Amino acid sequence: MDISRTEVRGKKVILLNGSRVERSTGKVVHIEAPDKLLLAAQRNPDAVAFGYMAKAGRWVASA
């Protein structure tokens, strides 16, 4: 499982799933529903990790 890190609203967060990472560089190349990730980050400003629920099509704060 690739755990990726990205910056959302000026804060480094961990994406537990819902993203693809290029193995050679370790950079995130695709994030599922980035607009919904921003909304989840606004609702949970203290969260440091997010997970993507594919069936529901939304991001949830995990930690």
PDB file of N, CA and C in Angstrom:
ATOM      1  N   MET A   1       0.840  -1.172   0.000  1.00  0.00           N
ATOM      2  CA  MET A   1       0.000   0.000   0.000  1.00  0.00           C
ATOM      3  C   MET A   1       0.885   1.234   0.000  1.00  0.00           C
ATOM      4  N   ASP A   2       0.614   2.127  -0.909  1.00  0.00           N
ATOM      5  CA  ASP A   2       1.368   3.369  -0.979  1.00  0.00           C
ATOM      6  C   ASP A   2       0.654   4.447  -0.188  1.00  0.00           C
ATOM      7  N   ILE A   3       1.298   4.944   0.832  1.00  0.00           N
ATOM      8  CA  ILE A   3       0.759   6.064   1.592  1.00  0.00           C
ATOM      9  C   ILE A   3       1.424   7.316   1.050  1.00  0.00           C
ATOM     10  N   SER A   4       0.606   8.232   0.595  1.00  0.00           N
ATOM     11  CA  SER A   4       1.163   9.436   0.003  1.00  0.00           C
ATOM     12  C   SER A   4       0.906  10.634   0.899  1.00  0.00           C
ATOM     13  N   ARG A   5       1.743  11.615   0.738  1.00  0.00           N
ATOM     14  CA  ARG A   5       1.620  12.866   1.478  1.00  0.00           C
ATOM     15  C   ARG A   5       1.457  13.992   0.472  1.00  0.00           C
ATOM     16  N   THR A   6       0.578  14.926   0.803  1.00  0.00           N
ATOM     17  CA  THR A   6       0.362  16.076  -0.057  1.00  0.00           C
ATOM     18  C   THR A   6      -0.002  17.271   0.814  1.00  0.00           C
ATOM     19  N   GLU A   7      -0.073  18.407   0.216  1.00  0.00           N
ATOM     20  CA  GLU A   7      -0.411  19.626   0.939  1.00  0.00           C
ATOM     21  C   GLU A   7      -1.827  20.034   0.579  1.00  0.00           C
ATOM     22  N   VAL A   8      -2.643  20.240   1.604  1.00  0.00           N
ATOM     23  CA  VAL A   8      -4.022  20.668   1.420  1.00  0.00           C
ATOM     24  C   VAL A   8      -4.265  21.867   2.322  1.00  0.00           C
ATOM     25  N   ARG A   9      -4.666  22.970   1.723  1.00  0.00           N
ATOM     26  CA  ARG A   9      -4.927  24.198   2.477  1.00  0.00           C
ATOM     27  C   ARG A   9      -3.729  24.636   3.307  1.00  0.00           C
ATOM     28  N   GLY A  10      -2.524  24.463   2.769  1.00  0.00           N
ATOM     29  CA  GLY A  10      -1.310  24.907   3.435  1.00  0.00           C
ATOM     30  C   GLY A  10      -0.795  23.985   4.522  1.00  0.00           C
ATOM     31  N   LYS A  11      -1.317  22.774   4.599  1.00  0.00           N
ATOM     32  CA  LYS A  11      -0.937  21.834   5.645  1.00  0.00           C
ATOM     33  C   LYS A  11      -0.621  20.480   5.012  1.00  0.00           C
ATOM     34  N   LYS A  12       0.468  19.855   5.448  1.00  0.00           N
ATOM     35  CA  LYS A  12       0.827  18.528   4.957  1.00  0.00           C
ATOM     36  C   LYS A  12      -0.116  17.494   5.572  1.00  0.00           C
ATOM     37  N   VAL A  13      -0.724  16.655   4.718  1.00  0.00           N
ATOM     38  CA  VAL A  13      -1.616  15.602   5.185  1.00  0.00           C
ATOM     39  C   VAL A  13      -1.232  14.279   4.526  1.00  0.00           C
ATOM     40  N   ILE A  14      -1.699  13.193   5.119  1.00  0.00           N
ATOM     41  CA  ILE A  14      -1.447  11.850   4.607  1.00  0.00           C
ATOM     42  C   ILE A  14      -2.715  11.362   3.928  1.00  0.00           C
ATOM     43  N   LEU A  15      -2.570  10.819   2.713  1.00  0.00           N
ATOM     44  CA  LEU A  15      -3.689  10.214   2.009  1.00  0.00           C
ATOM     45  C   LEU A  15      -3.522   8.710   2.110  1.00  0.00           C
ATOM     46  N   LEU A  16      -4.397   8.071   2.865  1.00  0.00           N
ATOM     47  CA  LEU A  16      -4.274   6.644   3.108  1.00  0.00           C
ATOM     48  C   LEU A  16      -4.609   5.820   1.870  1.00  0.00           C
ATOM     49  N   ASN A  17      -5.524   6.295   1.067  1.00  0.00           N
ATOM     50  CA  ASN A  17      -5.861   5.673  -0.207  1.00  0.00           C
ATOM     51  C   ASN A  17      -6.488   6.755  -1.089  1.00  0.00           C
ATOM     52  N   GLY A  18      -6.911   6.399  -2.289  1.00  0.00           N
ATOM     53  CA  GLY A  18      -7.534   7.388  -3.164  1.00  0.00           C
ATOM     54  C   GLY A  18      -6.551   8.223  -3.953  1.00  0.00           C
ATOM     55  N   SER A  19      -5.296   7.783  -3.996  1.00  0.00           N
ATOM     56  CA  SER A  19      -4.299   8.497  -4.789  1.00  0.00           C
ATOM     57  C   SER A  19      -3.323   7.503  -5.399  1.00  0.00           C
ATOM     58  N   ARG A  20      -2.680   7.928  -6.471  1.00  0.00           N
ATOM     59  CA  ARG A  20      -1.652   7.106  -7.098  1.00  0.00           C
ATOM     60  C   ARG A  20      -0.321   7.828  -6.998  1.00  0.00           C
ATOM     61  N   VAL A  21       0.711   7.052  -6.668  1.00  0.00           N
ATOM     62  CA  VAL A  21       2.054   7.596  -6.484  1.00  0.00           C
ATOM     63  C   VAL A  21       2.969   6.998  -7.534  1.00  0.00           C
ATOM     64  N   GLU A  22       3.792   7.837  -8.159  1.00  0.00           N
ATOM     65  CA  GLU A  22       4.803   7.343  -9.095  1.00  0.00           C
ATOM     66  C   GLU A  22       5.941   6.752  -8.275  1.00  0.00           C
ATOM     67  N   ARG A  23       6.211   5.488  -8.487  1.00  0.00           N
ATOM     68  CA  ARG A  23       7.189   4.777  -7.656  1.00  0.00           C
ATOM     69  C   ARG A  23       8.608   5.332  -7.781  1.00  0.00           C
ATOM     70  N   SER A  24       8.999   5.754  -8.967  1.00  0.00           N
ATOM     71  CA  SER A  24      10.381   6.198  -9.147  1.00  0.00           C
ATOM     72  C   SER A  24      10.675   7.508  -8.410  1.00  0.00           C
ATOM     73  N   THR A  25       9.703   8.414  -8.373  1.00  0.00           N
ATOM     74  CA  THR A  25       9.940   9.708  -7.733  1.00  0.00           C
ATOM     75  C   THR A  25       9.254   9.842  -6.381  1.00  0.00           C
ATOM     76  N   GLY A  26       8.234   9.010  -6.130  1.00  0.00           N
ATOM     77  CA  GLY A  26       7.501   9.099  -4.872  1.00  0.00           C
ATOM     78  C   GLY A  26       6.506  10.245  -4.827  1.00  0.00           C
ATOM     79  N   LYS A  27       6.214  10.844  -5.989  1.00  0.00           N
ATOM     80  CA  LYS A  27       5.288  11.975  -6.034  1.00  0.00           C
ATOM     81  C   LYS A  27       3.880  11.516  -6.383  1.00  0.00           C
ATOM     82  N   VAL A  28       2.903  12.209  -5.839  1.00  0.00           N
ATOM     83  CA  VAL A  28       1.500  11.914  -6.119  1.00  0.00           C
ATOM     84  C   VAL A  28       1.191  12.363  -7.549  1.00  0.00           C
ATOM     85  N   VAL A  29       0.626  11.448  -8.351  1.00  0.00           N
ATOM     86  CA  VAL A  29       0.305  11.794  -9.736  1.00  0.00           C
ATOM     87  C   VAL A  29      -1.193  11.905  -9.973  1.00  0.00           C
ATOM     88  N   HIS A  30      -2.020  11.331  -9.082  1.00  0.00           N
ATOM     89  CA  HIS A  30      -3.470  11.417  -9.258  1.00  0.00           C
ATOM     90  C   HIS A  30      -4.159  11.313  -7.904  1.00  0.00           C
ATOM     91  N   ILE A  31      -5.136  12.190  -7.678  1.00  0.00           N
ATOM     92  CA  ILE A  31      -5.951  12.157  -6.463  1.00  0.00           C
ATOM     93  C   ILE A  31      -7.407  12.052  -6.897  1.00  0.00           C
ATOM     94  N   GLU A  32      -8.124  11.077  -6.337  1.00  0.00           N
ATOM     95  CA  GLU A  32      -9.549  10.925  -6.621  1.00  0.00           C
ATOM     96  C   GLU A  32     -10.320  12.084  -6.011  1.00  0.00           C
ATOM     97  N   ALA A  33     -11.211  12.691  -6.764  1.00  0.00           N
ATOM     98  CA  ALA A  33     -12.111  13.755  -6.302  1.00  0.00           C
ATOM     99  C   ALA A  33     -11.390  14.815  -5.466  1.00  0.00           C
ATOM    100  N   PRO A  34     -10.448  15.551  -6.056  1.00  0.00           N
ATOM    101  CA  PRO A  34      -9.694  16.545  -5.271  1.00  0.00           C
ATOM    102  C   PRO A  34     -10.572  17.646  -4.684  1.00  0.00           C
ATOM    103  N   ASP A  35     -11.674  17.986  -5.355  1.00  0.00           N
ATOM    104  CA  ASP A  35     -12.567  19.009  -4.825  1.00  0.00           C
ATOM    105  C   ASP A  35     -13.238  18.539  -3.530  1.00  0.00           C
ATOM    106  N   LYS A  36     -13.555  17.258  -3.459  1.00  0.00           N
ATOM    107  CA  LYS A  36     -14.157  16.708  -2.241  1.00  0.00           C
ATOM    108  C   LYS A  36     -13.125  16.578  -1.124  1.00  0.00           C
ATOM    109  N   LEU A  37     -11.865  16.393  -1.491  1.00  0.00           N
ATOM    110  CA  LEU A  37     -10.801  16.380  -0.488  1.00  0.00           C
ATOM    111  C   LEU A  37     -10.674  17.758   0.159  1.00  0.00           C
ATOM    112  N   LEU A  38     -10.760  18.805  -0.640  1.00  0.00           N
ATOM    113  CA  LEU A  38     -10.702  20.164  -0.090  1.00  0.00           C
ATOM    114  C   LEU A  38     -11.866  20.430   0.856  1.00  0.00           C
ATOM    115  N   LEU A  39     -13.060  19.961   0.502  1.00  0.00           N
ATOM    116  CA  LEU A  39     -14.225  20.139   1.375  1.00  0.00           C
ATOM    117  C   LEU A  39     -14.042  19.392   2.697  1.00  0.00           C
ATOM    118  N   ALA A  40     -13.521  18.175   2.624  1.00  0.00           N
ATOM    119  CA  ALA A  40     -13.285  17.402   3.846  1.00  0.00           C
ATOM    120  C   ALA A  40     -12.234  18.093   4.721  1.00  0.00           C
ATOM    121  N   ALA A  41     -11.229  18.690   4.100  1.00  0.00           N
ATOM    122  CA  ALA A  41     -10.191  19.395   4.856  1.00  0.00           C
ATOM    123  C   ALA A  41     -10.752  20.661   5.502  1.00  0.00           C
ATOM    124  N   GLN A  42     -11.695  21.303   4.853  1.00  0.00           N
ATOM    125  CA  GLN A  42     -12.331  22.484   5.444  1.00  0.00           C
ATOM    126  C   GLN A  42     -13.199  22.101   6.632  1.00  0.00           C
ATOM    127  N   ARG A  43     -13.900  20.968   6.529  1.00  0.00           N
ATOM    128  CA  ARG A  43     -14.761  20.518   7.629  1.00  0.00           C
ATOM    129  C   ARG A  43     -13.952  20.016   8.818  1.00  0.00           C
ATOM    130  N   ASN A  44     -12.758  19.486   8.549  1.00  0.00           N
ATOM    131  CA  ASN A  44     -11.909  18.903   9.595  1.00  0.00           C
ATOM    132  C   ASN A  44     -10.516  19.526   9.533  1.00  0.00           C
ATOM    133  N   PRO A  45     -10.373  20.767   9.957  1.00  0.00           N
ATOM    134  CA  PRO A  45      -9.090  21.462   9.807  1.00  0.00           C
ATOM    135  C   PRO A  45      -7.947  20.882  10.634  1.00  0.00           C
ATOM    136  N   ASP A  46      -8.246  20.103  11.659  1.00  0.00           N
ATOM    137  CA  ASP A  46      -7.199  19.524  12.500  1.00  0.00           C
ATOM    138  C   ASP A  46      -6.761  18.141  12.042  1.00  0.00           C
ATOM    139  N   ALA A  47      -7.422  17.577  11.038  1.00  0.00           N
ATOM    140  CA  ALA A  47      -7.102  16.222  10.581  1.00  0.00           C
ATOM    141  C   ALA A  47      -5.733  16.181   9.915  1.00  0.00           C
ATOM    142  N   VAL A  48      -5.025  15.081  10.133  1.00  0.00           N
ATOM    143  CA  VAL A  48      -3.702  14.905   9.525  1.00  0.00           C
ATOM    144  C   VAL A  48      -3.691  13.768   8.510  1.00  0.00           C
ATOM    145  N   ALA A  49      -4.805  13.007   8.415  1.00  0.00           N
ATOM    146  CA  ALA A  49      -4.883  11.909   7.458  1.00  0.00           C
ATOM    147  C   ALA A  49      -6.313  11.810   6.933  1.00  0.00           C
ATOM    148  N   PHE A  50      -6.424  11.448   5.650  1.00  0.00           N
ATOM    149  CA  PHE A  50      -7.723  11.300   5.012  1.00  0.00           C
ATOM    150  C   PHE A  50      -7.761   9.996   4.242  1.00  0.00           C
ATOM    151  N   GLY A  51      -8.945   9.409   4.187  1.00  0.00           N
ATOM    152  CA  GLY A  51      -9.154   8.193   3.418  1.00  0.00           C
ATOM    153  C   GLY A  51     -10.307   8.407   2.456  1.00  0.00           C
ATOM    154  N   TYR A  52     -10.225   7.785   1.292  1.00  0.00           N
ATOM    155  CA  TYR A  52     -11.261   7.940   0.272  1.00  0.00           C
ATOM    156  C   TYR A  52     -12.202   6.753   0.305  1.00  0.00           C
ATOM    157  N   MET A  53     -13.492   7.018   0.427  1.00  0.00           N
ATOM    158  CA  MET A  53     -14.512   5.972   0.398  1.00  0.00           C
ATOM    159  C   MET A  53     -15.070   5.908  -1.017  1.00  0.00           C
ATOM    160  N   ALA A  54     -14.643   4.915  -1.778  1.00  0.00           N
ATOM    161  CA  ALA A  54     -14.982   4.827  -3.195  1.00  0.00           C
ATOM    162  C   ALA A  54     -16.484   4.656  -3.425  1.00  0.00           C
ATOM    163  N   LYS A  55     -17.134   3.807  -2.651  1.00  0.00           N
ATOM    164  CA  LYS A  55     -18.568   3.582  -2.863  1.00  0.00           C
ATOM    165  C   LYS A  55     -19.384   4.829  -2.577  1.00  0.00           C
ATOM    166  N   ALA A  56     -18.983   5.578  -1.582  1.00  0.00           N
ATOM    167  CA  ALA A  56     -19.693   6.809  -1.238  1.00  0.00           C
ATOM    168  C   ALA A  56     -19.193   7.995  -2.064  1.00  0.00           C
ATOM    169  N   GLY A  57     -17.982   7.874  -2.618  1.00  0.00           N
ATOM    170  CA  GLY A  57     -17.414   8.949  -3.423  1.00  0.00           C
ATOM    171  C   GLY A  57     -17.032  10.168  -2.609  1.00  0.00           C
ATOM    172  N   ARG A  58     -16.532   9.944  -1.398  1.00  0.00           N
ATOM    173  CA  ARG A  58     -16.161  11.091  -0.567  1.00  0.00           C
ATOM    174  C   ARG A  58     -14.921  10.765   0.261  1.00  0.00           C
ATOM    175  N   TRP A  59     -14.294  11.837   0.743  1.00  0.00           N
ATOM    176  CA  TRP A  59     -13.123  11.736   1.611  1.00  0.00           C
ATOM    177  C   TRP A  59     -13.584  11.879   3.058  1.00  0.00           C
ATOM    178  N   VAL A  60     -12.944  11.142   3.948  1.00  0.00           N
ATOM    179  CA  VAL A  60     -13.240  11.246   5.382  1.00  0.00           C
ATOM    180  C   VAL A  60     -11.935  11.442   6.150  1.00  0.00           C
ATOM    181  N   ALA A  61     -12.036  12.207   7.213  1.00  0.00           N
ATOM    182  CA  ALA A  61     -10.879  12.408   8.080  1.00  0.00           C
ATOM    183  C   ALA A  61     -10.622  11.125   8.851  1.00  0.00           C
ATOM    184  N   SER A  62      -9.367  10.704   8.908  1.00  0.00           N
ATOM    185  CA  SER A  62      -9.023   9.441   9.572  1.00  0.00           C
ATOM    186  C   SER A  62      -8.245   9.646  10.849  1.00  0.00           C
ATOM    187  N   ALA A  63      -7.526  10.716  10.944  1.00  0.00           N
ATOM    188  CA  ALA A  63      -6.740  10.961  12.154  1.00  0.00           C
ATOM    189  C   ALA A  63      -6.557  12.453  12.347  1.00  0.00           C
TER     190      ALA A  63
END
